[in-house]
Amino acid sequence: MKDGMDLQETLIDGAVMYQGSFMKVRRDRVRLPDGAEASREYIVHPGAVAVLAMLDNGNLIMERQYRYPAQREFLEIPAGKIDHGEDSLLTGQRELLEETGYVANEWIHLTTTWPCIGYADERIEYYLARGLTKQQRNLDEGEFLEVFELSLDEGIAWIQQGKINESKTIVGLFWLEKYLKEWQV
């Protein structure tokens, strides 16, 4: 949708305020559509992939892990950040194997979302992975998580009950439900 006024902001100048191991914080000065100037602070993130890994019995592979920034455990779909120069499909394949020990012979790109548009450029690519085969998982150093199976219907119920309250997983499960029941060709 491009009707109406031009809403684009253009970069005047900017600087990296903090450089971490895989993301950074920038402060940019921009020109607004009306010619005024404004400051924008945001996180530059490499992007991520989330995998809806479906077993032959229809259950999904899920993870339970502790997330330090929120100081609590979450129930999630497998996911991980895109390494520099890496294709998002390869990221999904790598993360699924590392975290769960599964490989898939069918991969379907479902959608792309931008979860934090007010303060980050992060995007999440969602894939459905089917035809799973169990292999040996290989967690990253410092990564601790538990893998379990969950039916899609139970996952949707857990969202309603507040047991699943992590946004990428909520988006992924709702997308998968629509895809399987209404959108699949």
C-alpha atoms as a PDB file:
ATOM      1  CA  MET A   1       0.000   0.000   0.000  1.00  0.00           C
ATOM      2  CA  LYS A   2       1.704   3.166  -1.222  1.00  0.00           C
ATOM      3  CA  ASP A   3      -1.258   5.531  -1.604  1.00  0.00           C
ATOM      4  CA  GLY A   4      -1.236   8.845   0.216  1.00  0.00           C
ATOM      5  CA  MET A   5       1.625  10.952   1.486  1.00  0.00           C
ATOM      6  CA  ASP A   6       5.273   9.873   1.478  1.00  0.00           C
ATOM      7  CA  LEU A   7       6.077   8.732   5.026  1.00  0.00           C
ATOM      8  CA  GLN A   8       9.711   7.755   4.498  1.00  0.00           C
ATOM      9  CA  GLU A   9      12.395   9.125   6.798  1.00  0.00           C
ATOM     10  CA  THR A  10      15.876   9.640   5.331  1.00  0.00           C
ATOM     11  CA  LEU A  11      19.196   9.271   7.116  1.00  0.00           C
ATOM     12  CA  ILE A  12      21.185  12.455   7.717  1.00  0.00           C
ATOM     13  CA  ASP A  13      23.911  10.909   9.868  1.00  0.00           C
ATOM     14  CA  GLY A  14      24.309   8.350  12.594  1.00  0.00           C
ATOM     15  CA  ALA A  15      26.632   6.418  14.828  1.00  0.00           C
ATOM     16  CA  VAL A  16      26.927   3.082  16.587  1.00  0.00           C
ATOM     17  CA  MET A  17      26.410   3.732  20.303  1.00  0.00           C
ATOM     18  CA  TYR A  18      27.112   0.155  21.411  1.00  0.00           C
ATOM     19  CA  GLN A  19      28.601  -2.837  19.595  1.00  0.00           C
ATOM     20  CA  GLY A  20      27.878  -6.250  21.112  1.00  0.00           C
ATOM     21  CA  SER A  21      28.843  -9.715  19.972  1.00  0.00           C
ATOM     22  CA  PHE A  22      25.956 -10.018  17.495  1.00  0.00           C
ATOM     23  CA  MET A  23      23.871  -6.857  17.722  1.00  0.00           C
ATOM     24  CA  LYS A  24      24.456  -3.165  18.088  1.00  0.00           C
ATOM     25  CA  VAL A  25      22.615  -0.023  19.096  1.00  0.00           C
ATOM     26  CA  ARG A  26      22.549   2.934  16.699  1.00  0.00           C
ATOM     27  CA  ARG A  27      21.477   6.526  17.049  1.00  0.00           C
ATOM     28  CA  ASP A  28      20.579   8.131  13.723  1.00  0.00           C
ATOM     29  CA  ARG A  29      19.509  11.624  12.835  1.00  0.00           C
ATOM     30  CA  VAL A  30      16.781  11.539  10.186  1.00  0.00           C
ATOM     31  CA  ARG A  31      14.821  13.945   8.040  1.00  0.00           C
ATOM     32  CA  LEU A  32      11.068  13.570   8.447  1.00  0.00           C
ATOM     33  CA  PRO A  33       8.569  13.832   5.570  1.00  0.00           C
ATOM     34  CA  ASP A  34       7.797  17.444   6.560  1.00  0.00           C
ATOM     35  CA  GLY A  35      11.505  18.410   6.484  1.00  0.00           C
ATOM     36  CA  ALA A  36      12.029  18.486  10.258  1.00  0.00           C
ATOM     37  CA  GLU A  37      14.791  16.439  11.901  1.00  0.00           C
ATOM     38  CA  ALA A  38      14.440  13.744  14.554  1.00  0.00           C
ATOM     39  CA  SER A  39      16.608  11.244  16.407  1.00  0.00           C
ATOM     40  CA  ARG A  40      16.076   7.472  16.177  1.00  0.00           C
ATOM     41  CA  GLU A  41      17.697   4.957  18.528  1.00  0.00           C
ATOM     42  CA  TYR A  42      17.353   1.301  17.603  1.00  0.00           C
ATOM     43  CA  ILE A  43      18.874  -2.156  17.795  1.00  0.00           C
ATOM     44  CA  VAL A  44      20.493  -3.555  14.662  1.00  0.00           C
ATOM     45  CA  HIS A  45      19.841  -7.305  14.747  1.00  0.00           C
ATOM     46  CA  PRO A  46      20.990  -9.953  12.233  1.00  0.00           C
ATOM     47  CA  GLY A  47      17.520 -11.489  12.011  1.00  0.00           C
ATOM     48  CA  ALA A  48      16.231 -14.848  13.154  1.00  0.00           C
ATOM     49  CA  VAL A  49      14.498 -17.979  11.960  1.00  0.00           C
ATOM     50  CA  ALA A  50      11.670 -19.787  13.763  1.00  0.00           C
ATOM     51  CA  VAL A  51      10.856 -23.396  12.882  1.00  0.00           C
ATOM     52  CA  LEU A  52       7.502 -25.135  13.191  1.00  0.00           C
ATOM     53  CA  ALA A  53       8.843 -28.686  13.174  1.00  0.00           C
ATOM     54  CA  MET A  54       6.017 -31.168  12.622  1.00  0.00           C
ATOM     55  CA  LEU A  55       6.393 -34.872  13.319  1.00  0.00           C
ATOM     56  CA  ASP A  56       4.625 -37.500  11.207  1.00  0.00           C
ATOM     57  CA  ASN A  57       2.011 -37.873  13.997  1.00  0.00           C
ATOM     58  CA  GLY A  58       1.145 -34.162  13.624  1.00  0.00           C
ATOM     59  CA  ASN A  59       2.764 -33.066  16.883  1.00  0.00           C
ATOM     60  CA  LEU A  60       5.183 -30.170  16.977  1.00  0.00           C
ATOM     61  CA  ILE A  61       8.670 -30.126  18.451  1.00  0.00           C
ATOM     62  CA  MET A  62       8.755 -27.521  21.211  1.00  0.00           C
ATOM     63  CA  GLU A  63      11.379 -26.241  23.635  1.00  0.00           C
ATOM     64  CA  ARG A  64      11.393 -25.093  27.230  1.00  0.00           C
ATOM     65  CA  GLN A  65      14.206 -22.739  28.085  1.00  0.00           C
ATOM     66  CA  TYR A  66      15.170 -19.994  30.481  1.00  0.00           C
ATOM     67  CA  ARG A  67      15.435 -16.505  28.994  1.00  0.00           C
ATOM     68  CA  TYR A  68      17.664 -14.290  31.102  1.00  0.00           C
ATOM     69  CA  PRO A  69      16.335 -10.844  30.030  1.00  0.00           C
ATOM     70  CA  ALA A  70      12.813 -11.838  31.145  1.00  0.00           C
ATOM     71  CA  GLN A  71      14.106 -13.823  34.151  1.00  0.00           C
ATOM     72  CA  ARG A  72      11.852 -16.818  33.475  1.00  0.00           C
ATOM     73  CA  GLU A  73      11.283 -19.966  31.445  1.00  0.00           C
ATOM     74  CA  PHE A  74       9.360 -19.945  28.178  1.00  0.00           C
ATOM     75  CA  LEU A  75       7.771 -22.595  25.970  1.00  0.00           C
ATOM     76  CA  GLU A  76       8.907 -21.911  22.414  1.00  0.00           C
ATOM     77  CA  ILE A  77       9.273 -23.220  18.910  1.00  0.00           C
ATOM     78  CA  PRO A  78      12.904 -23.824  17.857  1.00  0.00           C
ATOM     79  CA  ALA A  79      14.588 -20.649  16.650  1.00  0.00           C
ATOM     80  CA  GLY A  80      17.896 -18.889  16.340  1.00  0.00           C
ATOM     81  CA  LYS A  81      19.722 -15.924  14.901  1.00  0.00           C
ATOM     82  CA  ILE A  82      20.916 -15.759  11.325  1.00  0.00           C
ATOM     83  CA  ASP A  83      24.712 -15.819  11.110  1.00  0.00           C
ATOM     84  CA  HIS A  84      26.369 -13.149   8.942  1.00  0.00           C
ATOM     85  CA  GLY A  85      25.880 -14.006   5.265  1.00  0.00           C
ATOM     86  CA  GLU A  86      23.824 -17.114   6.033  1.00  0.00           C
ATOM     87  CA  ASP A  87      20.650 -17.939   4.119  1.00  0.00           C
ATOM     88  CA  SER A  88      17.581 -18.077   6.381  1.00  0.00           C
ATOM     89  CA  LEU A  89      16.723 -21.637   5.288  1.00  0.00           C
ATOM     90  CA  LEU A  90      20.213 -22.809   6.271  1.00  0.00           C
ATOM     91  CA  THR A  91      19.757 -21.065   9.617  1.00  0.00           C
ATOM     92  CA  GLY A  92      16.519 -22.944  10.200  1.00  0.00           C
ATOM     93  CA  GLN A  93      18.089 -26.257   9.266  1.00  0.00           C
ATOM     94  CA  ARG A  94      21.113 -25.607  11.490  1.00  0.00           C
ATOM     95  CA  GLU A  95      19.072 -24.472  14.494  1.00  0.00           C
ATOM     96  CA  LEU A  96      16.606 -27.358  14.254  1.00  0.00           C
ATOM     97  CA  LEU A  97      19.448 -29.894  14.291  1.00  0.00           C
ATOM     98  CA  GLU A  98      21.504 -28.132  16.987  1.00  0.00           C
ATOM     99  CA  GLU A  99      18.617 -27.558  19.378  1.00  0.00           C
ATOM    100  CA  THR A 100      16.403 -30.598  18.826  1.00  0.00           C
ATOM    101  CA  GLY A 101      18.448 -33.205  16.962  1.00  0.00           C
ATOM    102  CA  TYR A 102      15.970 -33.328  14.067  1.00  0.00           C
ATOM    103  CA  VAL A 103      16.509 -32.851  10.346  1.00  0.00           C
ATOM    104  CA  ALA A 104      13.644 -32.314   7.896  1.00  0.00           C
ATOM    105  CA  ASN A 105      13.280 -33.245   4.235  1.00  0.00           C
ATOM    106  CA  GLU A 106      10.534 -30.675   3.523  1.00  0.00           C
ATOM    107  CA  TRP A 107      10.819 -26.956   4.266  1.00  0.00           C
ATOM    108  CA  ILE A 108       8.080 -24.413   3.524  1.00  0.00           C
ATOM    109  CA  HIS A 109       8.584 -20.696   4.111  1.00  0.00           C
ATOM    110  CA  LEU A 110       5.421 -19.428   5.823  1.00  0.00           C
ATOM    111  CA  THR A 111       5.971 -15.727   6.505  1.00  0.00           C
ATOM    112  CA  THR A 112       8.303 -12.979   7.685  1.00  0.00           C
ATOM    113  CA  THR A 113       7.535 -10.710  10.627  1.00  0.00           C
ATOM    114  CA  TRP A 114       9.222  -7.704  12.214  1.00  0.00           C
ATOM    115  CA  PRO A 115       8.470  -8.139  15.934  1.00  0.00           C
ATOM    116  CA  CYS A 116       9.908  -4.923  17.382  1.00  0.00           C
ATOM    117  CA  ILE A 117       9.526  -2.226  14.716  1.00  0.00           C
ATOM    118  CA  GLY A 118       9.601   0.658  17.182  1.00  0.00           C
ATOM    119  CA  TYR A 119      13.122  -0.062  18.413  1.00  0.00           C
ATOM    120  CA  ALA A 120      14.767  -2.806  16.308  1.00  0.00           C
ATOM    121  CA  ASP A 121      15.239  -3.898  12.707  1.00  0.00           C
ATOM    122  CA  GLU A 122      14.966  -7.597  13.634  1.00  0.00           C
ATOM    123  CA  ARG A 123      12.993  -9.801  11.283  1.00  0.00           C
ATOM    124  CA  ILE A 124      11.904 -13.381  11.887  1.00  0.00           C
ATOM    125  CA  GLU A 125      11.546 -15.855   9.010  1.00  0.00           C
ATOM    126  CA  TYR A 126       9.066 -18.667   9.792  1.00  0.00           C
ATOM    127  CA  TYR A 127       9.418 -22.126   8.263  1.00  0.00           C
ATOM    128  CA  LEU A 128       7.326 -25.278   8.455  1.00  0.00           C
ATOM    129  CA  ALA A 129       9.602 -28.338   8.590  1.00  0.00           C
ATOM    130  CA  ARG A 130       8.175 -31.802   7.868  1.00  0.00           C
ATOM    131  CA  GLY A 131       9.515 -35.278   7.208  1.00  0.00           C
ATOM    132  CA  LEU A 132      11.569 -35.210  10.400  1.00  0.00           C
ATOM    133  CA  THR A 133      14.320 -37.688  11.201  1.00  0.00           C
ATOM    134  CA  LYS A 134      15.941 -37.854  14.633  1.00  0.00           C
ATOM    135  CA  GLN A 135      19.712 -37.436  14.843  1.00  0.00           C
ATOM    136  CA  GLN A 136      22.122 -36.216  17.521  1.00  0.00           C
ATOM    137  CA  ARG A 137      21.531 -32.684  18.788  1.00  0.00           C
ATOM    138  CA  ASN A 138      24.470 -30.358  19.348  1.00  0.00           C
ATOM    139  CA  LEU A 139      23.554 -27.398  21.567  1.00  0.00           C
ATOM    140  CA  ASP A 140      25.651 -24.239  21.427  1.00  0.00           C
ATOM    141  CA  GLU A 141      27.963 -23.630  24.369  1.00  0.00           C
ATOM    142  CA  GLY A 142      25.965 -22.158  27.246  1.00  0.00           C
ATOM    143  CA  GLU A 143      22.637 -23.256  25.745  1.00  0.00           C
ATOM    144  CA  PHE A 144      20.340 -25.336  27.933  1.00  0.00           C
ATOM    145  CA  LEU A 145      16.870 -26.390  26.840  1.00  0.00           C
ATOM    146  CA  GLU A 146      14.391 -29.215  27.090  1.00  0.00           C
ATOM    147  CA  VAL A 147      12.669 -30.615  23.984  1.00  0.00           C
ATOM    148  CA  PHE A 148       9.104 -31.957  24.040  1.00  0.00           C
ATOM    149  CA  GLU A 149       6.180 -32.747  21.713  1.00  0.00           C
ATOM    150  CA  LEU A 150       2.929 -30.793  21.632  1.00  0.00           C
ATOM    151  CA  SER A 151      -0.118 -31.038  19.380  1.00  0.00           C
ATOM    152  CA  LEU A 152      -1.108 -27.890  17.511  1.00  0.00           C
ATOM    153  CA  ASP A 153      -4.541 -27.880  19.172  1.00  0.00           C
ATOM    154  CA  GLU A 154      -2.939 -28.123  22.601  1.00  0.00           C
ATOM    155  CA  GLY A 155      -0.514 -25.350  21.662  1.00  0.00           C
ATOM    156  CA  ILE A 156      -3.409 -23.060  20.712  1.00  0.00           C
ATOM    157  CA  ALA A 157      -5.123 -23.926  24.016  1.00  0.00           C
ATOM    158  CA  TRP A 158      -1.899 -23.176  25.909  1.00  0.00           C
ATOM    159  CA  ILE A 159      -1.819 -19.733  24.279  1.00  0.00           C
ATOM    160  CA  GLN A 160      -5.355 -19.075  25.521  1.00  0.00           C
ATOM    161  CA  GLN A 161      -4.416 -20.334  28.999  1.00  0.00           C
ATOM    162  CA  GLY A 162      -1.263 -18.186  29.132  1.00  0.00           C
ATOM    163  CA  LYS A 163       1.129 -21.156  29.242  1.00  0.00           C
ATOM    164  CA  ILE A 164       2.593 -20.067  25.906  1.00  0.00           C
ATOM    165  CA  ASN A 165       3.131 -16.313  26.012  1.00  0.00           C
ATOM    166  CA  GLU A 166       6.218 -15.741  23.895  1.00  0.00           C
ATOM    167  CA  SER A 167       5.444 -13.756  20.756  1.00  0.00           C
ATOM    168  CA  LYS A 168       7.314 -15.626  18.005  1.00  0.00           C
ATOM    169  CA  THR A 169       5.758 -18.888  19.171  1.00  0.00           C
ATOM    170  CA  ILE A 170       2.265 -17.389  19.321  1.00  0.00           C
ATOM    171  CA  VAL A 171       2.645 -15.974  15.810  1.00  0.00           C
ATOM    172  CA  GLY A 172       4.072 -19.254  14.545  1.00  0.00           C
ATOM    173  CA  LEU A 173       1.347 -21.456  16.010  1.00  0.00           C
ATOM    174  CA  PHE A 174      -1.474 -19.217  14.762  1.00  0.00           C
ATOM    175  CA  TRP A 175       0.112 -19.018  11.307  1.00  0.00           C
ATOM    176  CA  LEU A 176       0.502 -22.786  11.183  1.00  0.00           C
ATOM    177  CA  GLU A 177      -3.106 -23.320  12.256  1.00  0.00           C
ATOM    178  CA  LYS A 178      -4.364 -21.046   9.454  1.00  0.00           C
ATOM    179  CA  TYR A 179      -1.977 -22.551   6.925  1.00  0.00           C
ATOM    180  CA  LEU A 180      -2.995 -26.139   7.650  1.00  0.00           C
ATOM    181  CA  LYS A 181      -6.745 -25.528   7.917  1.00  0.00           C
ATOM    182  CA  GLU A 182      -7.471 -22.761   5.402  1.00  0.00           C
ATOM    183  CA  TRP A 183      -4.532 -21.531   3.346  1.00  0.00           C
ATOM    184  CA  GLN A 184      -2.792 -24.700   2.216  1.00  0.00           C
ATOM    185  CA  VAL A 185      -3.252 -25.370  -1.476  1.00  0.00           C
END
